[in-house]
Amino acid sequence: MPSACPRCKDHTQVVHWPEFYKSLPRESELRSQAPQPAEYKAQLLLPAGACAVGAVALVSGAVAAGLLLVAGGIGVGVWLWRKSSAADDARARWARTLYCRRCPVRFLPEEAVAV
């Protein structure tokens, strides 16, 4: 079942945004308005290393430094993981986006009007 634009209610001009985006010339104004969100890979090596050093410090007797390193490593790891998750969600939303060439508007399939 085709999807219609929520603004103009026309279904003949609705296209899948990523495919339309790839067909645009590099100089196109539309291409610069809504580029694909950047991919973000969480680098969890540093937080994991801080946790490991903190565990060694805890075992060797430096309790305050060990707790600080473990807590900091966990905190930074969670922050990086959330940032990576948000970037993945933005990329998934961009990949599902539809575009109406008649009244130029981008919208998600759940916002579309059924025809």
PDB file of N, CA and C in Angstrom:
ATOM      1  N   MET A   1       0.845  -1.169   0.000  1.00  0.00           N
ATOM      2  CA  MET A   1       0.000   0.000   0.000  1.00  0.00           C
ATOM      3  C   MET A   1       0.897   1.242   0.000  1.00  0.00           C
ATOM      4  N   PRO A   2       0.707   2.157  -0.964  1.00  0.00           N
ATOM      5  CA  PRO A   2       1.558   3.341  -1.032  1.00  0.00           C
ATOM      6  C   PRO A   2       1.282   4.310   0.116  1.00  0.00           C
ATOM      7  N   SER A   3       2.313   5.053   0.446  1.00  0.00           N
ATOM      8  CA  SER A   3       2.199   6.071   1.492  1.00  0.00           C
ATOM      9  C   SER A   3       2.049   7.434   0.845  1.00  0.00           C
ATOM     10  N   ALA A   4       1.188   8.247   1.415  1.00  0.00           N
ATOM     11  CA  ALA A   4       0.978   9.600   0.900  1.00  0.00           C
ATOM     12  C   ALA A   4       1.603  10.614   1.855  1.00  0.00           C
ATOM     13  N   CYS A   5       1.951  11.746   1.303  1.00  0.00           N
ATOM     14  CA  CYS A   5       2.541  12.832   2.075  1.00  0.00           C
ATOM     15  C   CYS A   5       1.529  13.354   3.102  1.00  0.00           C
ATOM     16  N   PRO A   6       1.940  13.570   4.340  1.00  0.00           N
ATOM     17  CA  PRO A   6       1.010  14.090   5.338  1.00  0.00           C
ATOM     18  C   PRO A   6       0.590  15.540   5.082  1.00  0.00           C
ATOM     19  N   ARG A   7       1.368  16.280   4.301  1.00  0.00           N
ATOM     20  CA  ARG A   7       1.040  17.681   4.036  1.00  0.00           C
ATOM     21  C   ARG A   7       0.125  17.839   2.824  1.00  0.00           C
ATOM     22  N   CYS A   8       0.514  17.281   1.665  1.00  0.00           N
ATOM     23  CA  CYS A   8      -0.267  17.495   0.441  1.00  0.00           C
ATOM     24  C   CYS A   8      -1.166  16.307   0.086  1.00  0.00           C
ATOM     25  N   LYS A   9      -1.033  15.207   0.787  1.00  0.00           N
ATOM     26  CA  LYS A   9      -1.849  13.997   0.596  1.00  0.00           C
ATOM     27  C   LYS A   9      -1.644  13.334  -0.766  1.00  0.00           C
ATOM     28  N   ASP A  10      -0.554  13.646  -1.448  1.00  0.00           N
ATOM     29  CA  ASP A  10      -0.251  13.049  -2.749  1.00  0.00           C
ATOM     30  C   ASP A  10       0.682  11.862  -2.547  1.00  0.00           C
ATOM     31  N   HIS A  11       0.399  10.742  -3.207  1.00  0.00           N
ATOM     32  CA  HIS A  11       1.256   9.564  -3.058  1.00  0.00           C
ATOM     33  C   HIS A  11       2.135   9.326  -4.287  1.00  0.00           C
ATOM     34  N   THR A  12       1.883  10.050  -5.376  1.00  0.00           N
ATOM     35  CA  THR A  12       2.639   9.811  -6.602  1.00  0.00           C
ATOM     36  C   THR A  12       4.052  10.388  -6.551  1.00  0.00           C
ATOM     37  N   GLN A  13       4.305  11.334  -5.677  1.00  0.00           N
ATOM     38  CA  GLN A  13       5.612  11.982  -5.603  1.00  0.00           C
ATOM     39  C   GLN A  13       6.413  11.593  -4.360  1.00  0.00           C
ATOM     40  N   VAL A  14       5.960  10.590  -3.630  1.00  0.00           N
ATOM     41  CA  VAL A  14       6.657  10.163  -2.412  1.00  0.00           C
ATOM     42  C   VAL A  14       7.737   9.149  -2.784  1.00  0.00           C
ATOM     43  N   VAL A  15       8.960   9.425  -2.357  1.00  0.00           N
ATOM     44  CA  VAL A  15      10.101   8.546  -2.632  1.00  0.00           C
ATOM     45  C   VAL A  15      10.828   8.238  -1.330  1.00  0.00           C
ATOM     46  N   HIS A  16      11.617   7.177  -1.369  1.00  0.00           N
ATOM     47  CA  HIS A  16      12.442   6.794  -0.216  1.00  0.00           C
ATOM     48  C   HIS A  16      13.632   7.751  -0.152  1.00  0.00           C
ATOM     49  N   TRP A  17      13.771   8.473   0.947  1.00  0.00           N
ATOM     50  CA  TRP A  17      14.770   9.546   1.045  1.00  0.00           C
ATOM     51  C   TRP A  17      16.192   9.075   0.782  1.00  0.00           C
ATOM     52  N   PRO A  18      16.706   7.978   1.368  1.00  0.00           N
ATOM     53  CA  PRO A  18      18.099   7.613   1.098  1.00  0.00           C
ATOM     54  C   PRO A  18      18.393   7.360  -0.381  1.00  0.00           C
ATOM     55  N   GLU A  19      17.461   6.739  -1.091  1.00  0.00           N
ATOM     56  CA  GLU A  19      17.673   6.509  -2.523  1.00  0.00           C
ATOM     57  C   GLU A  19      17.650   7.825  -3.295  1.00  0.00           C
ATOM     58  N   PHE A  20      16.708   8.704  -2.949  1.00  0.00           N
ATOM     59  CA  PHE A  20      16.631  10.010  -3.597  1.00  0.00           C
ATOM     60  C   PHE A  20      17.881  10.830  -3.286  1.00  0.00           C
ATOM     61  N   TYR A  21      18.355  10.778  -2.056  1.00  0.00           N
ATOM     62  CA  TYR A  21      19.552  11.508  -1.625  1.00  0.00           C
ATOM     63  C   TYR A  21      20.772  11.073  -2.445  1.00  0.00           C
ATOM     64  N   LYS A  22      20.901   9.762  -2.647  1.00  0.00           N
ATOM     65  CA  LYS A  22      22.049   9.255  -3.410  1.00  0.00           C
ATOM     66  C   LYS A  22      21.988   9.672  -4.875  1.00  0.00           C
ATOM     67  N   SER A  23      20.789   9.923  -5.403  1.00  0.00           N
ATOM     68  CA  SER A  23      20.661  10.313  -6.801  1.00  0.00           C
ATOM     69  C   SER A  23      20.917  11.804  -7.029  1.00  0.00           C
ATOM     70  N   LEU A  24      20.976  12.592  -5.969  1.00  0.00           N
ATOM     71  CA  LEU A  24      21.194  14.031  -6.099  1.00  0.00           C
ATOM     72  C   LEU A  24      22.641  14.331  -6.473  1.00  0.00           C
ATOM     73  N   PRO A  25      22.870  15.373  -7.272  1.00  0.00           N
ATOM     74  CA  PRO A  25      24.251  15.772  -7.556  1.00  0.00           C
ATOM     75  C   PRO A  25      24.912  16.348  -6.298  1.00  0.00           C
ATOM     76  N   ARG A  26      26.197  16.290  -6.247  1.00  0.00           N
ATOM     77  CA  ARG A  26      26.941  16.750  -5.061  1.00  0.00           C
ATOM     78  C   ARG A  26      26.700  18.225  -4.747  1.00  0.00           C
ATOM     79  N   GLU A  27      26.406  19.039  -5.757  1.00  0.00           N
ATOM     80  CA  GLU A  27      26.208  20.473  -5.555  1.00  0.00           C
ATOM     81  C   GLU A  27      24.795  20.810  -5.104  1.00  0.00           C
ATOM     82  N   SER A  28      23.926  19.846  -5.017  1.00  0.00           N
ATOM     83  CA  SER A  28      22.525  20.087  -4.700  1.00  0.00           C
ATOM     84  C   SER A  28      22.357  20.670  -3.295  1.00  0.00           C
ATOM     85  N   GLU A  29      21.439  21.626  -3.193  1.00  0.00           N
ATOM     86  CA  GLU A  29      21.141  22.236  -1.894  1.00  0.00           C
ATOM     87  C   GLU A  29      20.492  21.234  -0.952  1.00  0.00           C
ATOM     88  N   LEU A  30      19.644  20.366  -1.496  1.00  0.00           N
ATOM     89  CA  LEU A  30      18.994  19.336  -0.676  1.00  0.00           C
ATOM     90  C   LEU A  30      20.012  18.399  -0.040  1.00  0.00           C
ATOM     91  N   ARG A  31      21.065  18.104  -0.777  1.00  0.00           N
ATOM     92  CA  ARG A  31      22.099  17.192  -0.271  1.00  0.00           C
ATOM     93  C   ARG A  31      22.787  17.772   0.964  1.00  0.00           C
ATOM     94  N   SER A  32      22.946  19.078   1.009  1.00  0.00           N
ATOM     95  CA  SER A  32      23.606  19.703   2.158  1.00  0.00           C
ATOM     96  C   SER A  32      22.647  19.931   3.330  1.00  0.00           C
ATOM     97  N   GLN A  33      21.337  19.938   3.058  1.00  0.00           N
ATOM     98  CA  GLN A  33      20.368  20.184   4.125  1.00  0.00           C
ATOM     99  C   GLN A  33      20.158  18.983   5.033  1.00  0.00           C
ATOM    100  N   ALA A  34      20.223  17.790   4.493  1.00  0.00           N
ATOM    101  CA  ALA A  34      19.920  16.605   5.301  1.00  0.00           C
ATOM    102  C   ALA A  34      20.852  15.452   4.964  1.00  0.00           C
ATOM    103  N   PRO A  35      22.143  15.590   5.287  1.00  0.00           N
ATOM    104  CA  PRO A  35      23.064  14.490   5.007  1.00  0.00           C
ATOM    105  C   PRO A  35      22.827  13.320   5.959  1.00  0.00           C
ATOM    106  N   GLN A  36      23.366  12.194   5.587  1.00  0.00           N
ATOM    107  CA  GLN A  36      23.244  11.015   6.441  1.00  0.00           C
ATOM    108  C   GLN A  36      24.012  11.273   7.740  1.00  0.00           C
ATOM    109  N   PRO A  37      23.393  10.959   8.885  1.00  0.00           N
ATOM    110  CA  PRO A  37      24.099  11.157  10.164  1.00  0.00           C
ATOM    111  C   PRO A  37      25.389  10.328  10.210  1.00  0.00           C
ATOM    112  N   ALA A  38      26.375  10.888  10.842  1.00  0.00           N
ATOM    113  CA  ALA A  38      27.673  10.221  10.928  1.00  0.00           C
ATOM    114  C   ALA A  38      27.591   8.973  11.794  1.00  0.00           C
ATOM    115  N   GLU A  39      28.384   7.990  11.421  1.00  0.00           N
ATOM    116  CA  GLU A  39      28.459   6.764  12.202  1.00  0.00           C
ATOM    117  C   GLU A  39      29.378   7.017  13.396  1.00  0.00           C
ATOM    118  N   TYR A  40      29.037   6.451  14.528  1.00  0.00           N
ATOM    119  CA  TYR A  40      29.855   6.637  15.725  1.00  0.00           C
ATOM    120  C   TYR A  40      30.103   5.282  16.353  1.00  0.00           C
ATOM    121  N   LYS A  41      31.352   4.905  16.442  1.00  0.00           N
ATOM    122  CA  LYS A  41      31.727   3.656  17.089  1.00  0.00           C
ATOM    123  C   LYS A  41      32.328   3.981  18.451  1.00  0.00           C
ATOM    124  N   ALA A  42      31.739   3.426  19.472  1.00  0.00           N
ATOM    125  CA  ALA A  42      32.230   3.677  20.825  1.00  0.00           C
ATOM    126  C   ALA A  42      33.582   2.992  21.013  1.00  0.00           C
ATOM    127  N   GLN A  43      34.564   3.753  21.440  1.00  0.00           N
ATOM    128  CA  GLN A  43      35.883   3.213  21.740  1.00  0.00           C
ATOM    129  C   GLN A  43      35.942   2.922  23.237  1.00  0.00           C
ATOM    130  N   LEU A  44      35.631   1.697  23.589  1.00  0.00           N
ATOM    131  CA  LEU A  44      35.514   1.345  25.000  1.00  0.00           C
ATOM    132  C   LEU A  44      36.820   0.834  25.596  1.00  0.00           C
ATOM    133  N   LEU A  45      37.905   0.893  24.832  1.00  0.00           N
ATOM    134  CA  LEU A  45      39.188   0.408  25.336  1.00  0.00           C
ATOM    135  C   LEU A  45      39.701   1.273  26.483  1.00  0.00           C
ATOM    136  N   LEU A  46      39.609   2.584  26.366  1.00  0.00           N
ATOM    137  CA  LEU A  46      40.090   3.474  27.421  1.00  0.00           C
ATOM    138  C   LEU A  46      39.302   3.305  28.723  1.00  0.00           C
ATOM    139  N   PRO A  47      37.952   3.299  28.700  1.00  0.00           N
ATOM    140  CA  PRO A  47      37.217   3.073  29.943  1.00  0.00           C
ATOM    141  C   PRO A  47      37.487   1.687  30.544  1.00  0.00           C
ATOM    142  N   ALA A  48      37.633   0.678  29.691  1.00  0.00           N
ATOM    143  CA  ALA A  48      37.934  -0.666  30.203  1.00  0.00           C
ATOM    144  C   ALA A  48      39.317  -0.692  30.847  1.00  0.00           C
ATOM    145  N   GLY A  49      40.265   0.018  30.224  1.00  0.00           N
ATOM    146  CA  GLY A  49      41.610   0.102  30.806  1.00  0.00           C
ATOM    147  C   GLY A  49      41.600   0.828  32.143  1.00  0.00           C
ATOM    148  N   ALA A  50      40.806   1.906  32.240  1.00  0.00           N
ATOM    149  CA  ALA A  50      40.716   2.636  33.506  1.00  0.00           C
ATOM    150  C   ALA A  50      40.115   1.747  34.598  1.00  0.00           C
ATOM    151  N   CYS A  51      39.123   0.952  34.243  1.00  0.00           N
ATOM    152  CA  CYS A  51      38.533   0.027  35.223  1.00  0.00           C
ATOM    153  C   CYS A  51      39.543  -1.024  35.664  1.00  0.00           C
ATOM    154  N   ALA A  52      40.331  -1.533  34.712  1.00  0.00           N
ATOM    155  CA  ALA A  52      41.337  -2.545  35.049  1.00  0.00           C
ATOM    156  C   ALA A  52      42.413  -1.961  35.965  1.00  0.00           C
ATOM    157  N   VAL A  53      42.887  -0.764  35.649  1.00  0.00           N
ATOM    158  CA  VAL A  53      43.895  -0.116  36.500  1.00  0.00           C
ATOM    159  C   VAL A  53      43.305   0.195  37.873  1.00  0.00           C
ATOM    160  N   GLY A  54      42.038   0.603  37.886  1.00  0.00           N
ATOM    161  CA  GLY A  54      41.366   0.862  39.159  1.00  0.00           C
ATOM    162  C   GLY A  54      41.228  -0.389  40.000  1.00  0.00           C
ATOM    163  N   ALA A  55      40.951  -1.530  39.369  1.00  0.00           N
ATOM    164  CA  ALA A  55      40.852  -2.789  40.107  1.00  0.00           C
ATOM    165  C   ALA A  55      42.202  -3.179  40.689  1.00  0.00           C
ATOM    166  N   VAL A  56      43.262  -2.970  39.910  1.00  0.00           N
ATOM    167  CA  VAL A  56      44.612  -3.265  40.414  1.00  0.00           C
ATOM    168  C   VAL A  56      44.938  -2.342  41.583  1.00  0.00           C
ATOM    169  N   ALA A  57      44.564  -1.081  41.484  1.00  0.00           N
ATOM    170  CA  ALA A  57      44.821  -0.127  42.564  1.00  0.00           C
ATOM    171  C   ALA A  57      44.031  -0.511  43.815  1.00  0.00           C
ATOM    172  N   LEU A  58      42.804  -0.979  43.636  1.00  0.00           N
ATOM    173  CA  LEU A  58      42.002  -1.412  44.794  1.00  0.00           C
ATOM    174  C   LEU A  58      42.657  -2.591  45.494  1.00  0.00           C
ATOM    175  N   VAL A  59      43.138  -3.552  44.722  1.00  0.00           N
ATOM    176  CA  VAL A  59      43.755  -4.751  45.301  1.00  0.00           C
ATOM    177  C   VAL A  59      45.075  -4.407  45.982  1.00  0.00           C
ATOM    178  N   SER A  60      45.801  -3.452  45.444  1.00  0.00           N
ATOM    179  CA  SER A  60      47.104  -3.110  46.014  1.00  0.00           C
ATOM    180  C   SER A  60      47.012  -2.162  47.210  1.00  0.00           C
ATOM    181  N   GLY A  61      45.819  -1.669  47.522  1.00  0.00           N
ATOM    182  CA  GLY A  61      45.652  -0.865  48.725  1.00  0.00           C
ATOM    183  C   GLY A  61      45.311   0.596  48.500  1.00  0.00           C
ATOM    184  N   ALA A  62      45.391   1.080  47.297  1.00  0.00           N
ATOM    185  CA  ALA A  62      45.049   2.475  47.011  1.00  0.00           C
ATOM    186  C   ALA A  62      43.541   2.544  46.739  1.00  0.00           C
ATOM    187  N   VAL A  63      42.760   2.500  47.810  1.00  0.00           N
ATOM    188  CA  VAL A  63      41.304   2.378  47.691  1.00  0.00           C
ATOM    189  C   VAL A  63      40.690   3.613  47.025  1.00  0.00           C
ATOM    190  N   ALA A  64      41.071   4.798  47.430  1.00  0.00           N
ATOM    191  CA  ALA A  64      40.471   6.021  46.879  1.00  0.00           C
ATOM    192  C   ALA A  64      40.754   6.140  45.384  1.00  0.00           C
ATOM    193  N   ALA A  65      41.995   5.953  45.000  1.00  0.00           N
ATOM    194  CA  ALA A  65      42.366   6.052  43.583  1.00  0.00           C
ATOM    195  C   ALA A  65      41.688   4.940  42.777  1.00  0.00           C
ATOM    196  N   GLY A  66      41.640   3.749  43.359  1.00  0.00           N
ATOM    197  CA  GLY A  66      40.999   2.625  42.673  1.00  0.00           C
ATOM    198  C   GLY A  66      39.516   2.864  42.440  1.00  0.00           C
ATOM    199  N   LEU A  67      38.821   3.345  43.466  1.00  0.00           N
ATOM    200  CA  LEU A  67      37.393   3.630  43.315  1.00  0.00           C
ATOM    201  C   LEU A  67      37.154   4.735  42.298  1.00  0.00           C
ATOM    202  N   LEU A  68      37.994   5.749  42.323  1.00  0.00           N
ATOM    203  CA  LEU A  68      37.865   6.846  41.372  1.00  0.00           C
ATOM    204  C   LEU A  68      38.056   6.360  39.933  1.00  0.00           C
ATOM    205  N   LEU A  69      39.060   5.526  39.713  1.00  0.00           N
ATOM    206  CA  LEU A  69      39.306   5.008  38.367  1.00  0.00           C
ATOM    207  C   LEU A  69      38.191   4.085  37.894  1.00  0.00           C
ATOM    208  N   VAL A  70      37.707   3.216  38.772  1.00  0.00           N
ATOM    209  CA  VAL A  70      36.629   2.298  38.392  1.00  0.00           C
ATOM    210  C   VAL A  70      35.349   3.080  38.094  1.00  0.00           C
ATOM    211  N   ALA A  71      35.000   4.012  38.966  1.00  0.00           N
ATOM    212  CA  ALA A  71      33.788   4.803  38.759  1.00  0.00           C
ATOM    213  C   ALA A  71      33.906   5.664  37.499  1.00  0.00           C
ATOM    214  N   GLY A  72      35.055   6.264  37.291  1.00  0.00           N
ATOM    215  CA  GLY A  72      35.264   7.076  36.086  1.00  0.00           C
ATOM    216  C   GLY A  72      35.205   6.235  34.823  1.00  0.00           C
ATOM    217  N   GLY A  73      35.813   5.060  34.859  1.00  0.00           N
ATOM    218  CA  GLY A  73      35.783   4.166  33.700  1.00  0.00           C
ATOM    219  C   GLY A  73      34.366   3.714  33.372  1.00  0.00           C
ATOM    220  N   ILE A  74      33.602   3.381  34.392  1.00  0.00           N
ATOM    221  CA  ILE A  74      32.215   2.973  34.171  1.00  0.00           C
ATOM    222  C   ILE A  74      31.394   4.151  33.637  1.00  0.00           C
ATOM    223  N   GLY A  75      31.574   5.313  34.223  1.00  0.00           N
ATOM    224  CA  GLY A  75      30.824   6.494  33.783  1.00  0.00           C
ATOM    225  C   GLY A  75      31.121   6.867  32.342  1.00  0.00           C
ATOM    226  N   VAL A  76      32.385   6.892  31.974  1.00  0.00           N
ATOM    227  CA  VAL A  76      32.763   7.234  30.603  1.00  0.00           C
ATOM    228  C   VAL A  76      32.284   6.145  29.639  1.00  0.00           C
ATOM    229  N   GLY A  77      32.355   4.894  30.059  1.00  0.00           N
ATOM    230  CA  GLY A  77      31.880   3.794  29.219  1.00  0.00           C
ATOM    231  C   GLY A  77      30.383   3.901  28.938  1.00  0.00           C
ATOM    232  N   VAL A  78      29.606   4.212  29.954  1.00  0.00           N
ATOM    233  CA  VAL A  78      28.159   4.372  29.764  1.00  0.00           C
ATOM    234  C   VAL A  78      27.872   5.565  28.868  1.00  0.00           C
ATOM    235  N   TRP A  79      28.578   6.664  29.066  1.00  0.00           N
ATOM    236  CA  TRP A  79      28.380   7.852  28.232  1.00  0.00           C
ATOM    237  C   TRP A  79      28.698   7.551  26.767  1.00  0.00           C
ATOM    238  N   LEU A  80      29.820   6.865  26.508  1.00  0.00           N
ATOM    239  CA  LEU A  80      30.183   6.514  25.136  1.00  0.00           C
ATOM    240  C   LEU A  80      29.171   5.556  24.516  1.00  0.00           C
ATOM    241  N   TRP A  81      28.679   4.606  25.292  1.00  0.00           N
ATOM    242  CA  TRP A  81      27.702   3.656  24.788  1.00  0.00           C
ATOM    243  C   TRP A  81      26.401   4.366  24.413  1.00  0.00           C
ATOM    244  N   ARG A  82      25.955   5.303  25.252  1.00  0.00           N
ATOM    245  CA  ARG A  82      24.727   6.054  24.941  1.00  0.00           C
ATOM    246  C   ARG A  82      24.903   6.926  23.707  1.00  0.00           C
ATOM    247  N   LYS A  83      26.060   7.539  23.557  1.00  0.00           N
ATOM    248  CA  LYS A  83      26.337   8.366  22.384  1.00  0.00           C
ATOM    249  C   LYS A  83      26.321   7.505  21.117  1.00  0.00           C
ATOM    250  N   SER A  84      26.893   6.328  21.189  1.00  0.00           N
ATOM    251  CA  SER A  84      26.889   5.402  20.062  1.00  0.00           C
ATOM    252  C   SER A  84      25.475   4.934  19.738  1.00  0.00           C
ATOM    253  N   SER A  85      24.684   4.656  20.755  1.00  0.00           N
ATOM    254  CA  SER A  85      23.305   4.221  20.566  1.00  0.00           C
ATOM    255  C   SER A  85      22.461   5.324  19.929  1.00  0.00           C
ATOM    256  N   ALA A  86      22.652   6.564  20.361  1.00  0.00           N
ATOM    257  CA  ALA A  86      21.915   7.692  19.785  1.00  0.00           C
ATOM    258  C   ALA A  86      22.283   7.887  18.312  1.00  0.00           C
ATOM    259  N   ALA A  87      23.554   7.712  17.968  1.00  0.00           N
ATOM    260  CA  ALA A  87      23.980   7.833  16.573  1.00  0.00           C
ATOM    261  C   ALA A  87      23.367   6.723  15.727  1.00  0.00           C
ATOM    262  N   ASP A  88      23.302   5.505  16.255  1.00  0.00           N
ATOM    263  CA  ASP A  88      22.679   4.397  15.532  1.00  0.00           C
ATOM    264  C   ASP A  88      21.189   4.653  15.317  1.00  0.00           C
ATOM    265  N   ASP A  89      20.515   5.190  16.319  1.00  0.00           N
ATOM    266  CA  ASP A  89      19.089   5.512  16.188  1.00  0.00           C
ATOM    267  C   ASP A  89      18.862   6.583  15.125  1.00  0.00           C
ATOM    268  N   ALA A  90      19.719   7.604  15.087  1.00  0.00           N
ATOM    269  CA  ALA A  90      19.585   8.672  14.093  1.00  0.00           C
ATOM    270  C   ALA A  90      19.800   8.126  12.681  1.00  0.00           C
ATOM    271  N   ARG A  91      20.764   7.221  12.523  1.00  0.00           N
ATOM    272  CA  ARG A  91      21.009   6.619  11.210  1.00  0.00           C
ATOM    273  C   ARG A  91      19.834   5.743  10.778  1.00  0.00           C
ATOM    274  N   ALA A  92      19.254   5.012  11.708  1.00  0.00           N
ATOM    275  CA  ALA A  92      18.108   4.163  11.389  1.00  0.00           C
ATOM    276  C   ALA A  92      16.893   5.012  10.998  1.00  0.00           C
ATOM    277  N   ARG A  93      16.678   6.107  11.710  1.00  0.00           N
ATOM    278  CA  ARG A  93      15.572   7.012  11.394  1.00  0.00           C
ATOM    279  C   ARG A  93      15.774   7.638  10.010  1.00  0.00           C
ATOM    280  N   TRP A  94      16.998   8.035   9.681  1.00  0.00           N
ATOM    281  CA  TRP A  94      17.307   8.616   8.383  1.00  0.00           C
ATOM    282  C   TRP A  94      17.069   7.594   7.271  1.00  0.00           C
ATOM    283  N   ALA A  95      17.420   6.339   7.524  1.00  0.00           N
ATOM    284  CA  ALA A  95      17.254   5.292   6.515  1.00  0.00           C
ATOM    285  C   ALA A  95      15.785   4.974   6.237  1.00  0.00           C
ATOM    286  N   ARG A  96      14.893   5.249   7.180  1.00  0.00           N
ATOM    287  CA  ARG A  96      13.466   4.978   7.004  1.00  0.00           C
ATOM    288  C   ARG A  96      12.694   6.180   6.447  1.00  0.00           C
ATOM    289  N   THR A  97      13.327   7.319   6.346  1.00  0.00           N
ATOM    290  CA  THR A  97      12.647   8.555   5.978  1.00  0.00           C
ATOM    291  C   THR A  97      12.124   8.516   4.544  1.00  0.00           C
ATOM    292  N   LEU A  98      10.943   9.090   4.353  1.00  0.00           N
ATOM    293  CA  LEU A  98      10.341   9.277   3.037  1.00  0.00           C
ATOM    294  C   LEU A  98      10.397  10.763   2.685  1.00  0.00           C
ATOM    295  N   TYR A  99      10.289  11.070   1.402  1.00  0.00           N
ATOM    296  CA  TYR A  99      10.394  12.448   0.939  1.00  0.00           C
ATOM    297  C   TYR A  99       9.328  12.713  -0.118  1.00  0.00           C
ATOM    298  N   CYS A 100       8.645  13.828   0.003  1.00  0.00           N
ATOM    299  CA  CYS A 100       7.654  14.233  -0.995  1.00  0.00           C
ATOM    300  C   CYS A 100       8.304  15.268  -1.908  1.00  0.00           C
ATOM    301  N   ARG A 101       8.359  14.958  -3.184  1.00  0.00           N
ATOM    302  CA  ARG A 101       8.979  15.885  -4.140  1.00  0.00           C
ATOM    303  C   ARG A 101       8.032  17.014  -4.539  1.00  0.00           C
ATOM    304  N   ARG A 102       6.775  16.895  -4.233  1.00  0.00           N
ATOM    305  CA  ARG A 102       5.812  17.930  -4.601  1.00  0.00           C
ATOM    306  C   ARG A 102       5.886  19.133  -3.664  1.00  0.00           C
ATOM    307  N   CYS A 103       5.896  18.882  -2.357  1.00  0.00           N
ATOM    308  CA  CYS A 103       5.861  19.993  -1.387  1.00  0.00           C
ATOM    309  C   CYS A 103       7.080  19.970  -0.475  1.00  0.00           C
ATOM    310  N   PRO A 104       8.252  19.816  -0.933  1.00  0.00           N
ATOM    311  CA  PRO A 104       9.382  19.144  -0.303  1.00  0.00           C
ATOM    312  C   PRO A 104       9.343  19.051   1.226  1.00  0.00           C
ATOM    313  N   VAL A 105       8.977  17.878   1.678  1.00  0.00           N
ATOM    314  CA  VAL A 105       8.937  17.602   3.114  1.00  0.00           C
ATOM    315  C   VAL A 105       9.431  16.171   3.339  1.00  0.00           C
ATOM    316  N   ARG A 106      10.220  16.004   4.394  1.00  0.00           N
ATOM    317  CA  ARG A 106      10.685  14.680   4.796  1.00  0.00           C
ATOM    318  C   ARG A 106       9.826  14.213   5.963  1.00  0.00           C
ATOM    319  N   PHE A 107       9.473  12.929   5.968  1.00  0.00           N
ATOM    320  CA  PHE A 107       8.639  12.392   7.040  1.00  0.00           C
ATOM    321  C   PHE A 107       8.905  10.906   7.198  1.00  0.00           C
ATOM    322  N   LEU A 108       8.547  10.378   8.353  1.00  0.00           N
ATOM    323  CA  LEU A 108       8.709   8.966   8.645  1.00  0.00           C
ATOM    324  C   LEU A 108       7.487   8.206   8.157  1.00  0.00           C
ATOM    325  N   PRO A 109       7.607   6.922   7.885  1.00  0.00           N
ATOM    326  CA  PRO A 109       6.461   6.148   7.396  1.00  0.00           C
ATOM    327  C   PRO A 109       5.252   6.173   8.329  1.00  0.00           C
ATOM    328  N   GLU A 110       5.475   6.245   9.637  1.00  0.00           N
ATOM    329  CA  GLU A 110       4.337   6.275  10.556  1.00  0.00           C
ATOM    330  C   GLU A 110       3.581   7.607  10.512  1.00  0.00           C
ATOM    331  N   GLU A 111       4.183   8.646   9.943  1.00  0.00           N
ATOM    332  CA  GLU A 111       3.510   9.925   9.773  1.00  0.00           C
ATOM    333  C   GLU A 111       2.750  10.008   8.455  1.00  0.00           C
ATOM    334  N   ALA A 112       2.996   9.057   7.567  1.00  0.00           N
ATOM    335  CA  ALA A 112       2.386   9.081   6.235  1.00  0.00           C
ATOM    336  C   ALA A 112       0.899   8.780   6.322  1.00  0.00           C
ATOM    337  N   VAL A 113       0.192   9.262   5.310  1.00  0.00           N
ATOM    338  CA  VAL A 113      -1.243   9.027   5.202  1.00  0.00           C
ATOM    339  C   VAL A 113      -1.454   7.805   4.310  1.00  0.00           C
ATOM    340  N   ALA A 114      -2.269   6.868   4.755  1.00  0.00           N
ATOM    341  CA  ALA A 114      -2.540   5.679   3.964  1.00  0.00           C
ATOM    342  C   ALA A 114      -3.445   6.027   2.784  1.00  0.00           C
ATOM    343  N   VAL A 115      -3.119   5.447   1.636  1.00  0.00           N
ATOM    344  CA  VAL A 115      -3.921   5.716   0.435  1.00  0.00           C
ATOM    345  C   VAL A 115      -4.777   4.509   0.132  1.00  0.00           C
TER     346      VAL A 115
END
